[in-house]
Amino acid sequence: SGKVPTLRILNWSEYIDFDIDDNNELTLAEKSPTLREFQKAFQCRIDYTEFETETEAIRLLAQTPGYYDLIIIDSSSAENLIDAQLASVPDTRKIPNFRYIDPVLVDTFKSGGIPYLYGSTGILYRKDFYTDGIHSWKQFFDPENPHMVSVLAEPKSAFSQALVALGADPINPTEHDIRSAAKFIKHSTDAERIRFVTSDIELIQDSILNGELGAAVIYSGDALSVIEEN
């Protein structure tokens, strides 16, 4: 029939390169050199969608089951999507380069798909605000801390950090631990030290650089971008 096949991709924002589009007239696939080259090389069309938070991604998948061909998401969320039959694990027999992935990472992901990127979530801070540094999650959340901070809009992430700050096990918390963590986060929020609860990475980066934030929870790769700039 000569119809060009379409590959539908759902991915985090900030995960791929884009050219400047001042008039905002181009689709995401048209703005990205990588996606343009891929479409040309494989004679296909890419329908590319971005999301800021896991909650947003899960909502999109629930609203349009079976629509996306390729989903890039956190491994634990991937397992939940597979359990809910909103996604499935790719057939590794059709992916020759799969054999080059570190077996430790493959085992970490288990049934949650195939490792694509692997990094950490941590604390980025201004050295002129914290001359002695930040050395614990307890210190980061401390209501007496005079500087504004930002946390990611991911409940799982925030709870894990609060549990560590309280000395609890973030992997196997008790109900008491979870309730204590909720109170701990609320106490920090009520103290008006948490400036943003957001996964808008550009906002976090800009706010650190301009001094609106003293510290922020951020992904390791995005933290390195800020460190390279300042």
C-alpha atoms as a PDB file:
ATOM      1  CA  SER A   1       0.000   0.000   0.000  1.00  0.00           C
ATOM      2  CA  GLY A   2       3.016   2.291   0.396  1.00  0.00           C
ATOM      3  CA  LYS A   3       1.778   3.560   3.749  1.00  0.00           C
ATOM      4  CA  VAL A   4       4.583   4.749   6.020  1.00  0.00           C
ATOM      5  CA  PRO A   5       4.550   2.888   9.356  1.00  0.00           C
ATOM      6  CA  THR A   6       4.255   4.962  12.541  1.00  0.00           C
ATOM      7  CA  LEU A   7       6.302   4.359  15.683  1.00  0.00           C
ATOM      8  CA  ARG A   8       4.642   5.841  18.777  1.00  0.00           C
ATOM      9  CA  ILE A   9       7.041   6.673  21.618  1.00  0.00           C
ATOM     10  CA  LEU A  10       6.280   7.858  25.163  1.00  0.00           C
ATOM     11  CA  ASN A  11       9.311   9.281  26.970  1.00  0.00           C
ATOM     12  CA  TRP A  12      10.391  11.569  29.806  1.00  0.00           C
ATOM     13  CA  SER A  13      10.994  15.215  28.939  1.00  0.00           C
ATOM     14  CA  GLU A  14      14.650  16.288  28.628  1.00  0.00           C
ATOM     15  CA  TYR A  15      15.619  12.834  27.326  1.00  0.00           C
ATOM     16  CA  ILE A  16      16.256  13.786  23.723  1.00  0.00           C
ATOM     17  CA  ASP A  17      17.717  16.710  21.782  1.00  0.00           C
ATOM     18  CA  PHE A  18      15.578  19.412  20.131  1.00  0.00           C
ATOM     19  CA  ASP A  19      16.326  22.288  17.781  1.00  0.00           C
ATOM     20  CA  ILE A  20      14.992  25.737  18.657  1.00  0.00           C
ATOM     21  CA  ASP A  21      11.501  26.302  17.274  1.00  0.00           C
ATOM     22  CA  ASP A  22      10.708  29.968  17.901  1.00  0.00           C
ATOM     23  CA  ASN A  23       7.309  29.815  16.194  1.00  0.00           C
ATOM     24  CA  ASN A  24       6.350  26.509  17.848  1.00  0.00           C
ATOM     25  CA  GLU A  25       5.187  25.149  14.509  1.00  0.00           C
ATOM     26  CA  LEU A  26       6.988  21.802  14.481  1.00  0.00           C
ATOM     27  CA  THR A  27       6.101  18.500  16.095  1.00  0.00           C
ATOM     28  CA  LEU A  28       8.556  17.055  18.619  1.00  0.00           C
ATOM     29  CA  ALA A  29       9.722  14.498  16.057  1.00  0.00           C
ATOM     30  CA  GLU A  30      10.375  17.277  13.525  1.00  0.00           C
ATOM     31  CA  LYS A  31      12.367  19.332  16.059  1.00  0.00           C
ATOM     32  CA  SER A  32      14.709  16.516  17.055  1.00  0.00           C
ATOM     33  CA  PRO A  33      17.758  15.790  14.849  1.00  0.00           C
ATOM     34  CA  THR A  34      17.929  12.272  16.300  1.00  0.00           C
ATOM     35  CA  LEU A  35      14.302  11.494  15.489  1.00  0.00           C
ATOM     36  CA  ARG A  36      14.567  13.063  12.040  1.00  0.00           C
ATOM     37  CA  GLU A  37      17.579  10.877  11.228  1.00  0.00           C
ATOM     38  CA  PHE A  38      15.817   7.775  12.550  1.00  0.00           C
ATOM     39  CA  GLN A  39      12.707   8.439  10.448  1.00  0.00           C
ATOM     40  CA  LYS A  40      14.832   8.943   7.335  1.00  0.00           C
ATOM     41  CA  ALA A  41      16.982   5.851   7.959  1.00  0.00           C
ATOM     42  CA  PHE A  42      14.039   3.519   8.605  1.00  0.00           C
ATOM     43  CA  GLN A  43      11.430   5.126   6.373  1.00  0.00           C
ATOM     44  CA  CYS A  44       8.920   5.595   9.160  1.00  0.00           C
ATOM     45  CA  ARG A  45       7.034   8.311  10.985  1.00  0.00           C
ATOM     46  CA  ILE A  46       7.519   8.924  14.727  1.00  0.00           C
ATOM     47  CA  ASP A  47       4.698  10.106  16.963  1.00  0.00           C
ATOM     48  CA  TYR A  48       6.647  11.351  20.008  1.00  0.00           C
ATOM     49  CA  THR A  49       5.025  12.246  23.350  1.00  0.00           C
ATOM     50  CA  GLU A  50       6.752  13.580  26.475  1.00  0.00           C
ATOM     51  CA  PHE A  51       5.710  13.504  30.125  1.00  0.00           C
ATOM     52  CA  GLU A  52       7.016  15.257  33.262  1.00  0.00           C
ATOM     53  CA  THR A  53       5.954  12.787  35.978  1.00  0.00           C
ATOM     54  CA  GLU A  54       5.228   9.071  36.241  1.00  0.00           C
ATOM     55  CA  THR A  55       1.652   9.905  37.260  1.00  0.00           C
ATOM     56  CA  GLU A  56       1.150  11.761  33.978  1.00  0.00           C
ATOM     57  CA  ALA A  57       2.584   8.847  31.989  1.00  0.00           C
ATOM     58  CA  ILE A  58       0.365   6.281  33.704  1.00  0.00           C
ATOM     59  CA  ARG A  59      -2.692   8.476  33.050  1.00  0.00           C
ATOM     60  CA  LEU A  60      -1.822   8.656  29.329  1.00  0.00           C
ATOM     61  CA  LEU A  61      -1.349   4.889  29.112  1.00  0.00           C
ATOM     62  CA  ALA A  62      -4.613   4.196  30.935  1.00  0.00           C
ATOM     63  CA  GLN A  63      -6.505   6.564  28.619  1.00  0.00           C
ATOM     64  CA  THR A  64      -5.035   5.087  25.431  1.00  0.00           C
ATOM     65  CA  PRO A  65      -4.213   1.416  26.113  1.00  0.00           C
ATOM     66  CA  GLY A  66      -2.173  -0.168  23.345  1.00  0.00           C
ATOM     67  CA  TYR A  67      -1.448   3.154  21.625  1.00  0.00           C
ATOM     68  CA  TYR A  68       2.281   3.483  22.360  1.00  0.00           C
ATOM     69  CA  ASP A  69       4.834   1.091  20.882  1.00  0.00           C
ATOM     70  CA  LEU A  70       7.765   2.103  23.090  1.00  0.00           C
ATOM     71  CA  ILE A  71       7.550   3.391  26.671  1.00  0.00           C
ATOM     72  CA  ILE A  72      10.500   4.780  28.639  1.00  0.00           C
ATOM     73  CA  ILE A  73       9.632   4.952  32.345  1.00  0.00           C
ATOM     74  CA  ASP A  74      10.929   4.129  35.819  1.00  0.00           C
ATOM     75  CA  SER A  75      11.480   0.394  36.364  1.00  0.00           C
ATOM     76  CA  SER A  76       9.098   0.058  39.315  1.00  0.00           C
ATOM     77  CA  SER A  77       6.361   1.845  37.368  1.00  0.00           C
ATOM     78  CA  ALA A  78       7.072  -0.463  34.435  1.00  0.00           C
ATOM     79  CA  GLU A  79       6.400  -3.491  36.636  1.00  0.00           C
ATOM     80  CA  ASN A  80       3.059  -1.983  37.721  1.00  0.00           C
ATOM     81  CA  LEU A  81       2.123  -1.261  34.087  1.00  0.00           C
ATOM     82  CA  ILE A  82       2.939  -4.838  33.111  1.00  0.00           C
ATOM     83  CA  ASP A  83       0.852  -6.181  36.013  1.00  0.00           C
ATOM     84  CA  ALA A  84      -2.043  -3.963  34.895  1.00  0.00           C
ATOM     85  CA  GLN A  85      -1.587  -5.204  31.304  1.00  0.00           C
ATOM     86  CA  LEU A  86      -0.941  -1.661  30.076  1.00  0.00           C
ATOM     87  CA  ALA A  87       2.515  -2.658  28.821  1.00  0.00           C
ATOM     88  CA  SER A  88       4.605  -5.728  28.054  1.00  0.00           C
ATOM     89  CA  VAL A  89       8.307  -6.597  28.086  1.00  0.00           C
ATOM     90  CA  PRO A  90      10.005  -6.472  24.647  1.00  0.00           C
ATOM     91  CA  ASP A  91      11.171  -9.729  23.107  1.00  0.00           C
ATOM     92  CA  THR A  92      14.927  -9.618  23.739  1.00  0.00           C
ATOM     93  CA  ARG A  93      15.509 -12.171  20.961  1.00  0.00           C
ATOM     94  CA  LYS A  94      14.720  -9.349  18.521  1.00  0.00           C
ATOM     95  CA  ILE A  95      17.199  -6.976  20.202  1.00  0.00           C
ATOM     96  CA  PRO A  96      20.738  -8.234  19.398  1.00  0.00           C
ATOM     97  CA  ASN A  97      22.486  -5.535  21.462  1.00  0.00           C
ATOM     98  CA  PHE A  98      20.670  -6.653  24.592  1.00  0.00           C
ATOM     99  CA  ARG A  99      23.611  -8.968  25.302  1.00  0.00           C
ATOM    100  CA  TYR A 100      25.844  -5.932  25.905  1.00  0.00           C
ATOM    101  CA  ILE A 101      23.787  -4.627  28.847  1.00  0.00           C
ATOM    102  CA  ASP A 102      25.353  -5.197  32.269  1.00  0.00           C
ATOM    103  CA  PRO A 103      23.714  -8.362  33.729  1.00  0.00           C
ATOM    104  CA  VAL A 104      23.519  -6.610  37.116  1.00  0.00           C
ATOM    105  CA  LEU A 105      21.228  -3.960  35.611  1.00  0.00           C
ATOM    106  CA  VAL A 106      19.162  -6.566  33.793  1.00  0.00           C
ATOM    107  CA  ASP A 107      18.658  -8.394  37.101  1.00  0.00           C
ATOM    108  CA  THR A 108      17.768  -5.102  38.828  1.00  0.00           C
ATOM    109  CA  PHE A 109      14.999  -4.441  36.324  1.00  0.00           C
ATOM    110  CA  LYS A 110      13.740  -8.046  36.499  1.00  0.00           C
ATOM    111  CA  SER A 111      10.293  -8.033  34.849  1.00  0.00           C
ATOM    112  CA  GLY A 112      10.249  -4.241  34.500  1.00  0.00           C
ATOM    113  CA  GLY A 113      11.393  -4.056  30.899  1.00  0.00           C
ATOM    114  CA  ILE A 114      14.876  -3.474  29.503  1.00  0.00           C
ATOM    115  CA  PRO A 115      17.410  -1.037  31.054  1.00  0.00           C
ATOM    116  CA  TYR A 116      17.814   2.080  28.899  1.00  0.00           C
ATOM    117  CA  LEU A 117      19.319   4.631  31.299  1.00  0.00           C
ATOM    118  CA  TYR A 118      20.489   4.130  34.855  1.00  0.00           C
ATOM    119  CA  GLY A 119      21.143   6.892  37.332  1.00  0.00           C
ATOM    120  CA  SER A 120      20.442   8.132  40.821  1.00  0.00           C
ATOM    121  CA  THR A 121      18.303  10.721  42.561  1.00  0.00           C
ATOM    122  CA  GLY A 122      20.097  12.967  45.008  1.00  0.00           C
ATOM    123  CA  ILE A 123      20.614  16.439  46.444  1.00  0.00           C
ATOM    124  CA  LEU A 124      22.036  19.325  44.428  1.00  0.00           C
ATOM    125  CA  TYR A 125      22.993  22.390  46.469  1.00  0.00           C
ATOM    126  CA  ARG A 126      24.683  25.763  46.126  1.00  0.00           C
ATOM    127  CA  LYS A 127      28.119  25.739  47.740  1.00  0.00           C
ATOM    128  CA  ASP A 128      27.851  29.455  48.561  1.00  0.00           C
ATOM    129  CA  PHE A 129      24.648  28.730  50.557  1.00  0.00           C
ATOM    130  CA  TYR A 130      25.943  25.574  52.247  1.00  0.00           C
ATOM    131  CA  THR A 131      29.646  26.133  52.844  1.00  0.00           C
ATOM    132  CA  ASP A 132      29.882  22.894  54.839  1.00  0.00           C
ATOM    133  CA  GLY A 133      27.726  20.972  52.354  1.00  0.00           C
ATOM    134  CA  ILE A 134      24.598  18.869  52.861  1.00  0.00           C
ATOM    135  CA  HIS A 135      25.373  15.450  54.291  1.00  0.00           C
ATOM    136  CA  SER A 136      21.990  13.840  55.018  1.00  0.00           C
ATOM    137  CA  TRP A 137      18.322  13.817  54.060  1.00  0.00           C
ATOM    138  CA  LYS A 138      17.527  14.889  57.613  1.00  0.00           C
ATOM    139  CA  GLN A 139      19.607  18.015  57.113  1.00  0.00           C
ATOM    140  CA  PHE A 140      17.972  18.664  53.735  1.00  0.00           C
ATOM    141  CA  PHE A 141      14.444  18.555  55.181  1.00  0.00           C
ATOM    142  CA  ASP A 142      15.294  20.346  58.456  1.00  0.00           C
ATOM    143  CA  PRO A 143      12.672  23.107  59.028  1.00  0.00           C
ATOM    144  CA  GLU A 144      15.410  25.234  60.616  1.00  0.00           C
ATOM    145  CA  ASN A 145      17.346  25.220  57.350  1.00  0.00           C
ATOM    146  CA  PRO A 146      17.177  28.888  56.189  1.00  0.00           C
ATOM    147  CA  HIS A 147      17.244  28.209  52.437  1.00  0.00           C
ATOM    148  CA  MET A 148      14.389  27.207  50.131  1.00  0.00           C
ATOM    149  CA  VAL A 149      14.460  23.709  48.654  1.00  0.00           C
ATOM    150  CA  SER A 150      12.628  21.775  45.957  1.00  0.00           C
ATOM    151  CA  VAL A 151      11.466  18.151  45.869  1.00  0.00           C
ATOM    152  CA  LEU A 152      10.410  16.051  42.906  1.00  0.00           C
ATOM    153  CA  ALA A 153       6.692  15.590  42.290  1.00  0.00           C
ATOM    154  CA  GLU A 154       6.995  11.843  42.842  1.00  0.00           C
ATOM    155  CA  PRO A 155       5.421  10.558  46.072  1.00  0.00           C
ATOM    156  CA  LYS A 156       7.498   7.369  46.031  1.00  0.00           C
ATOM    157  CA  SER A 157      10.709   9.377  45.822  1.00  0.00           C
ATOM    158  CA  ALA A 158       9.734  11.862  48.549  1.00  0.00           C
ATOM    159  CA  PHE A 159       8.601   9.108  50.925  1.00  0.00           C
ATOM    160  CA  SER A 160      11.819   7.161  50.421  1.00  0.00           C
ATOM    161  CA  GLN A 161      13.879  10.232  51.282  1.00  0.00           C
ATOM    162  CA  ALA A 162      11.762  11.007  54.337  1.00  0.00           C
ATOM    163  CA  LEU A 163      12.082   7.402  55.535  1.00  0.00           C
ATOM    164  CA  VAL A 164      15.873   7.580  55.244  1.00  0.00           C
ATOM    165  CA  ALA A 165      15.865  10.908  57.097  1.00  0.00           C
ATOM    166  CA  LEU A 166      13.961   9.230  59.936  1.00  0.00           C
ATOM    167  CA  GLY A 167      16.301   6.254  60.011  1.00  0.00           C
ATOM    168  CA  ALA A 168      13.664   3.846  58.667  1.00  0.00           C
ATOM    169  CA  ASP A 169      14.092   1.204  55.958  1.00  0.00           C
ATOM    170  CA  PRO A 170      12.849   2.725  52.659  1.00  0.00           C
ATOM    171  CA  ILE A 171      12.573  -0.712  51.042  1.00  0.00           C
ATOM    172  CA  ASN A 172      10.397  -2.406  53.688  1.00  0.00           C
ATOM    173  CA  PRO A 173       8.784   0.349  55.800  1.00  0.00           C
ATOM    174  CA  THR A 174       6.198  -0.453  58.459  1.00  0.00           C
ATOM    175  CA  GLU A 175       2.839   1.301  58.531  1.00  0.00           C
ATOM    176  CA  HIS A 176       4.167   3.359  61.451  1.00  0.00           C
ATOM    177  CA  ASP A 177       7.195   4.367  59.360  1.00  0.00           C
ATOM    178  CA  ILE A 178       4.966   5.508  56.483  1.00  0.00           C
ATOM    179  CA  ARG A 179       2.734   7.578  58.770  1.00  0.00           C
ATOM    180  CA  SER A 180       5.796   9.131  60.392  1.00  0.00           C
ATOM    181  CA  ALA A 181       7.251   9.961  56.977  1.00  0.00           C
ATOM    182  CA  ALA A 182       3.990  11.634  55.934  1.00  0.00           C
ATOM    183  CA  LYS A 183       4.051  13.812  59.059  1.00  0.00           C
ATOM    184  CA  PHE A 184       7.727  14.584  58.467  1.00  0.00           C
ATOM    185  CA  ILE A 185       7.072  15.787  54.896  1.00  0.00           C
ATOM    186  CA  LYS A 186       4.029  17.819  56.000  1.00  0.00           C
ATOM    187  CA  HIS A 187       6.057  19.464  58.770  1.00  0.00           C
ATOM    188  CA  SER A 188       8.678  20.514  56.216  1.00  0.00           C
ATOM    189  CA  THR A 189       5.975  21.837  53.878  1.00  0.00           C
ATOM    190  CA  ASP A 190       4.217  23.741  56.666  1.00  0.00           C
ATOM    191  CA  ALA A 191       7.525  25.412  57.522  1.00  0.00           C
ATOM    192  CA  GLU A 192       7.355  26.892  53.972  1.00  0.00           C
ATOM    193  CA  ARG A 193      10.867  25.749  53.183  1.00  0.00           C
ATOM    194  CA  ILE A 194       9.762  23.631  50.234  1.00  0.00           C
ATOM    195  CA  ARG A 195       9.524  26.173  47.398  1.00  0.00           C
ATOM    196  CA  PHE A 196       8.548  23.728  44.659  1.00  0.00           C
ATOM    197  CA  VAL A 197       7.107  20.240  44.414  1.00  0.00           C
ATOM    198  CA  THR A 198       7.833  19.708  40.752  1.00  0.00           C
ATOM    199  CA  SER A 199       9.451  17.467  38.167  1.00  0.00           C
ATOM    200  CA  ASP A 200      10.003  20.403  35.799  1.00  0.00           C
ATOM    201  CA  ILE A 201      13.763  19.928  35.526  1.00  0.00           C
ATOM    202  CA  GLU A 202      14.372  23.212  33.708  1.00  0.00           C
ATOM    203  CA  LEU A 203      12.592  25.118  36.489  1.00  0.00           C
ATOM    204  CA  ILE A 204      14.663  23.340  39.150  1.00  0.00           C
ATOM    205  CA  GLN A 205      17.929  23.985  37.311  1.00  0.00           C
ATOM    206  CA  ASP A 206      17.156  27.665  36.689  1.00  0.00           C
ATOM    207  CA  SER A 207      16.044  28.188  40.308  1.00  0.00           C
ATOM    208  CA  ILE A 208      19.279  26.707  41.650  1.00  0.00           C
ATOM    209  CA  LEU A 209      21.379  28.823  39.299  1.00  0.00           C
ATOM    210  CA  ASN A 210      19.575  32.095  40.099  1.00  0.00           C
ATOM    211  CA  GLY A 211      19.649  31.484  43.858  1.00  0.00           C
ATOM    212  CA  GLU A 212      15.893  31.088  44.387  1.00  0.00           C
ATOM    213  CA  LEU A 213      16.670  27.616  45.713  1.00  0.00           C
ATOM    214  CA  GLY A 214      19.493  26.654  47.993  1.00  0.00           C
ATOM    215  CA  ALA A 215      19.108  22.934  47.302  1.00  0.00           C
ATOM    216  CA  ALA A 216      16.923  20.562  45.315  1.00  0.00           C
ATOM    217  CA  VAL A 217      16.183  16.886  44.794  1.00  0.00           C
ATOM    218  CA  ILE A 218      17.189  16.156  41.222  1.00  0.00           C
ATOM    219  CA  TYR A 219      18.331  13.356  38.914  1.00  0.00           C
ATOM    220  CA  SER A 220      22.093  12.815  38.694  1.00  0.00           C
ATOM    221  CA  GLY A 221      22.395  13.593  34.985  1.00  0.00           C
ATOM    222  CA  ASP A 222      20.498  16.866  35.342  1.00  0.00           C
ATOM    223  CA  ALA A 223      22.625  17.762  38.376  1.00  0.00           C
ATOM    224  CA  LEU A 224      25.778  17.346  36.272  1.00  0.00           C
ATOM    225  CA  SER A 225      24.366  19.795  33.706  1.00  0.00           C
ATOM    226  CA  VAL A 226      23.990  22.442  36.428  1.00  0.00           C
ATOM    227  CA  ILE A 227      27.472  21.752  37.797  1.00  0.00           C
ATOM    228  CA  GLU A 228      28.961  22.184  34.325  1.00  0.00           C
ATOM    229  CA  GLU A 229      27.231  25.572  34.011  1.00  0.00           C
ATOM    230  CA  ASN A 230      28.234  26.774  37.501  1.00  0.00           C
END
